[in-house]
């Protein structure tokens, strides 16, 4: 995910979530080398939206550097 595709990814996730009505959304992140600011904001907004609906967001397979970025955020 980058600042360029974050809005499209977010919109696609919203559509999929509305259709599936999951209890948990798992984002597999092994191919993501780093999260930049725009993506972190998008993930934060997604998490807030999901929590309001009673849905958990899980980030899996984070590489060590990406995990550190998330923990600092």
N, C-alpha and C. Protein backbone atom coordinates (compact mmCIF):
# COMPACT_ATOMS: atom_id res chain seq x y z
N UNK A 1 0.84 -1.18 0.00
CA UNK A 1 0.00 0.00 0.00
C UNK A 1 0.88 1.23 0.00
N UNK A 2 0.47 2.21 -0.78
CA UNK A 2 1.16 3.49 -0.84
C UNK A 2 0.13 4.60 -0.79
N UNK A 3 0.62 5.84 -0.69
CA UNK A 3 -0.31 6.97 -0.68
C UNK A 3 -1.15 6.99 -1.95
N UNK A 4 -0.60 6.48 -3.04
CA UNK A 4 -1.31 6.52 -4.32
C UNK A 4 -2.48 5.55 -4.38
N UNK A 5 -2.37 4.39 -3.75
CA UNK A 5 -3.46 3.42 -3.86
C UNK A 5 -4.26 3.25 -2.57
N UNK A 6 -3.90 3.94 -1.51
CA UNK A 6 -4.62 3.81 -0.24
C UNK A 6 -6.12 4.09 -0.37
N UNK A 7 -6.53 5.17 -1.08
CA UNK A 7 -7.98 5.40 -1.20
C UNK A 7 -8.72 4.27 -1.92
N UNK A 8 -8.11 3.73 -2.98
CA UNK A 8 -8.77 2.65 -3.72
C UNK A 8 -8.83 1.37 -2.88
N UNK A 9 -7.76 1.08 -2.16
CA UNK A 9 -7.75 -0.10 -1.29
C UNK A 9 -8.81 0.06 -0.20
N UNK A 10 -8.87 1.24 0.39
CA UNK A 10 -9.86 1.49 1.44
C UNK A 10 -11.28 1.33 0.94
N UNK A 11 -11.56 1.85 -0.24
CA UNK A 11 -12.91 1.74 -0.80
C UNK A 11 -13.25 0.28 -1.11
N UNK A 12 -12.30 -0.44 -1.66
CA UNK A 12 -12.54 -1.86 -1.97
C UNK A 12 -12.79 -2.65 -0.69
N UNK A 13 -12.03 -2.35 0.36
CA UNK A 13 -12.25 -3.02 1.64
C UNK A 13 -13.64 -2.71 2.20
N UNK A 14 -14.06 -1.46 2.09
CA UNK A 14 -15.39 -1.09 2.60
C UNK A 14 -16.49 -1.89 1.88
N UNK A 15 -16.35 -2.04 0.56
CA UNK A 15 -17.34 -2.81 -0.21
C UNK A 15 -17.34 -4.27 0.24
N UNK A 16 -16.15 -4.87 0.33
CA UNK A 16 -16.06 -6.27 0.73
C UNK A 16 -16.61 -6.49 2.15
N UNK A 17 -16.31 -5.57 3.05
CA UNK A 17 -16.79 -5.69 4.43
C UNK A 17 -18.30 -5.56 4.49
N UNK A 18 -18.86 -4.64 3.72
CA UNK A 18 -20.32 -4.47 3.69
C UNK A 18 -21.00 -5.74 3.17
N UNK A 19 -20.40 -6.38 2.19
CA UNK A 19 -20.98 -7.59 1.62
C UNK A 19 -20.84 -8.80 2.55
N UNK A 20 -19.66 -8.97 3.14
CA UNK A 20 -19.37 -10.17 3.92
C UNK A 20 -19.81 -10.09 5.38
N UNK A 21 -19.87 -8.87 5.92
CA UNK A 21 -20.22 -8.66 7.33
C UNK A 21 -19.39 -9.54 8.27
N UNK A 22 -18.06 -9.42 8.18
CA UNK A 22 -17.19 -10.27 9.01
C UNK A 22 -17.13 -9.81 10.46
N UNK A 23 -16.61 -10.65 11.32
CA UNK A 23 -16.32 -10.26 12.71
C UNK A 23 -14.88 -9.82 12.84
N UNK A 24 -14.02 -10.31 11.92
CA UNK A 24 -12.60 -9.99 11.93
C UNK A 24 -12.16 -9.73 10.48
N UNK A 25 -11.35 -8.69 10.29
CA UNK A 25 -10.72 -8.43 9.00
C UNK A 25 -9.22 -8.61 9.21
N UNK A 26 -8.63 -9.55 8.46
CA UNK A 26 -7.20 -9.83 8.58
C UNK A 26 -6.51 -9.33 7.32
N UNK A 27 -5.55 -8.45 7.51
CA UNK A 27 -4.75 -7.95 6.39
C UNK A 27 -3.39 -8.64 6.44
N UNK A 28 -3.09 -9.44 5.46
CA UNK A 28 -1.82 -10.15 5.38
C UNK A 28 -0.80 -9.19 4.77
N UNK A 29 0.23 -8.85 5.54
CA UNK A 29 1.13 -7.74 5.21
C UNK A 29 2.56 -8.15 4.89
N UNK A 30 2.81 -9.40 4.58
CA UNK A 30 4.20 -9.84 4.39
C UNK A 30 4.89 -9.17 3.21
N UNK A 31 4.14 -8.73 2.21
CA UNK A 31 4.75 -8.10 1.03
C UNK A 31 4.91 -6.59 1.19
N UNK A 32 4.52 -6.05 2.32
CA UNK A 32 4.60 -4.61 2.54
C UNK A 32 5.89 -4.29 3.30
N UNK A 33 6.85 -3.63 2.64
CA UNK A 33 8.13 -3.36 3.30
C UNK A 33 8.05 -2.24 4.32
N UNK A 34 7.10 -1.32 4.16
CA UNK A 34 7.01 -0.18 5.07
C UNK A 34 5.64 0.47 4.89
N UNK A 35 5.15 1.08 5.96
CA UNK A 35 3.93 1.87 5.89
C UNK A 35 4.32 3.33 5.97
N UNK A 36 3.91 4.12 5.01
CA UNK A 36 4.16 5.55 5.10
C UNK A 36 2.94 6.23 5.71
N UNK A 37 3.04 7.51 5.96
CA UNK A 37 2.05 8.26 6.74
C UNK A 37 0.62 8.10 6.22
N UNK A 38 0.43 8.26 4.92
CA UNK A 38 -0.93 8.18 4.36
C UNK A 38 -1.55 6.82 4.60
N UNK A 39 -0.76 5.78 4.46
CA UNK A 39 -1.26 4.42 4.67
C UNK A 39 -1.58 4.20 6.15
N UNK A 40 -0.72 4.69 7.03
CA UNK A 40 -1.00 4.58 8.47
C UNK A 40 -2.31 5.27 8.83
N UNK A 41 -2.53 6.44 8.26
CA UNK A 41 -3.80 7.15 8.51
C UNK A 41 -4.98 6.34 7.97
N UNK A 42 -4.84 5.77 6.79
CA UNK A 42 -5.92 4.97 6.20
C UNK A 42 -6.23 3.76 7.07
N UNK A 43 -5.18 3.08 7.57
CA UNK A 43 -5.39 1.93 8.44
C UNK A 43 -6.04 2.34 9.76
N UNK A 44 -5.67 3.50 10.27
CA UNK A 44 -6.28 4.01 11.50
C UNK A 44 -7.76 4.30 11.29
N UNK A 45 -8.08 4.95 10.17
CA UNK A 45 -9.50 5.24 9.87
C UNK A 45 -10.29 3.95 9.66
N UNK A 46 -9.69 2.98 8.97
CA UNK A 46 -10.34 1.70 8.78
C UNK A 46 -10.61 1.03 10.12
N UNK A 47 -9.61 1.04 11.00
CA UNK A 47 -9.77 0.44 12.32
C UNK A 47 -10.89 1.10 13.10
N UNK A 48 -10.98 2.42 13.04
CA UNK A 48 -12.05 3.14 13.74
C UNK A 48 -13.42 2.76 13.19
N UNK A 49 -13.52 2.69 11.86
CA UNK A 49 -14.79 2.32 11.22
C UNK A 49 -15.18 0.90 11.61
N UNK A 50 -14.21 -0.01 11.59
CA UNK A 50 -14.50 -1.39 11.94
C UNK A 50 -14.92 -1.52 13.41
N UNK A 51 -14.22 -0.84 14.30
CA UNK A 51 -14.57 -0.91 15.72
C UNK A 51 -15.99 -0.42 15.97
N UNK A 52 -16.41 0.63 15.26
CA UNK A 52 -17.78 1.13 15.41
C UNK A 52 -18.80 0.07 15.01
N UNK A 53 -18.41 -0.83 14.14
CA UNK A 53 -19.29 -1.92 13.68
C UNK A 53 -19.08 -3.21 14.45
N UNK A 54 -18.19 -3.18 15.45
CA UNK A 54 -17.92 -4.38 16.23
C UNK A 54 -17.02 -5.37 15.52
N UNK A 55 -16.21 -4.90 14.59
CA UNK A 55 -15.32 -5.76 13.81
C UNK A 55 -13.88 -5.49 14.23
N UNK A 56 -13.10 -6.55 14.38
CA UNK A 56 -11.68 -6.42 14.73
C UNK A 56 -10.84 -6.39 13.46
N UNK A 57 -9.77 -5.59 13.50
CA UNK A 57 -8.80 -5.56 12.40
C UNK A 57 -7.50 -6.18 12.90
N UNK A 58 -7.01 -7.16 12.17
CA UNK A 58 -5.74 -7.81 12.52
C UNK A 58 -4.77 -7.60 11.37
N UNK A 59 -3.54 -7.23 11.70
CA UNK A 59 -2.47 -7.14 10.71
C UNK A 59 -1.56 -8.34 10.95
N UNK A 60 -1.43 -9.19 9.95
CA UNK A 60 -0.62 -10.40 10.12
C UNK A 60 0.61 -10.36 9.21
N UNK A 61 1.60 -11.18 9.59
CA UNK A 61 2.80 -11.37 8.79
C UNK A 61 3.59 -10.07 8.56
N UNK A 62 3.54 -9.17 9.52
CA UNK A 62 4.32 -7.93 9.40
C UNK A 62 5.80 -8.25 9.48
N UNK A 63 6.60 -7.65 8.60
CA UNK A 63 8.04 -7.84 8.73
C UNK A 63 8.50 -6.99 9.93
N UNK A 64 9.67 -7.26 10.48
CA UNK A 64 10.09 -6.59 11.72
C UNK A 64 10.09 -5.06 11.64
N UNK A 65 10.57 -4.51 10.53
CA UNK A 65 10.60 -3.04 10.43
C UNK A 65 9.19 -2.46 10.37
N UNK A 66 8.32 -3.09 9.61
CA UNK A 66 6.95 -2.61 9.52
C UNK A 66 6.25 -2.73 10.87
N UNK A 67 6.50 -3.79 11.60
CA UNK A 67 5.94 -3.94 12.93
C UNK A 67 6.40 -2.80 13.84
N UNK A 68 7.68 -2.44 13.76
CA UNK A 68 8.19 -1.32 14.58
C UNK A 68 7.48 -0.01 14.23
N UNK A 69 7.23 0.21 12.94
CA UNK A 69 6.51 1.42 12.52
C UNK A 69 5.11 1.43 13.11
N UNK A 70 4.42 0.30 13.05
CA UNK A 70 3.08 0.20 13.62
C UNK A 70 3.11 0.42 15.13
N UNK A 71 4.05 -0.18 15.81
CA UNK A 71 4.14 -0.03 17.26
C UNK A 71 4.42 1.42 17.66
N UNK A 72 5.26 2.13 16.89
CA UNK A 72 5.54 3.53 17.18
C UNK A 72 4.35 4.43 16.89
N UNK A 73 3.51 3.99 15.98
CA UNK A 73 2.36 4.81 15.59
C UNK A 73 1.25 4.70 16.59
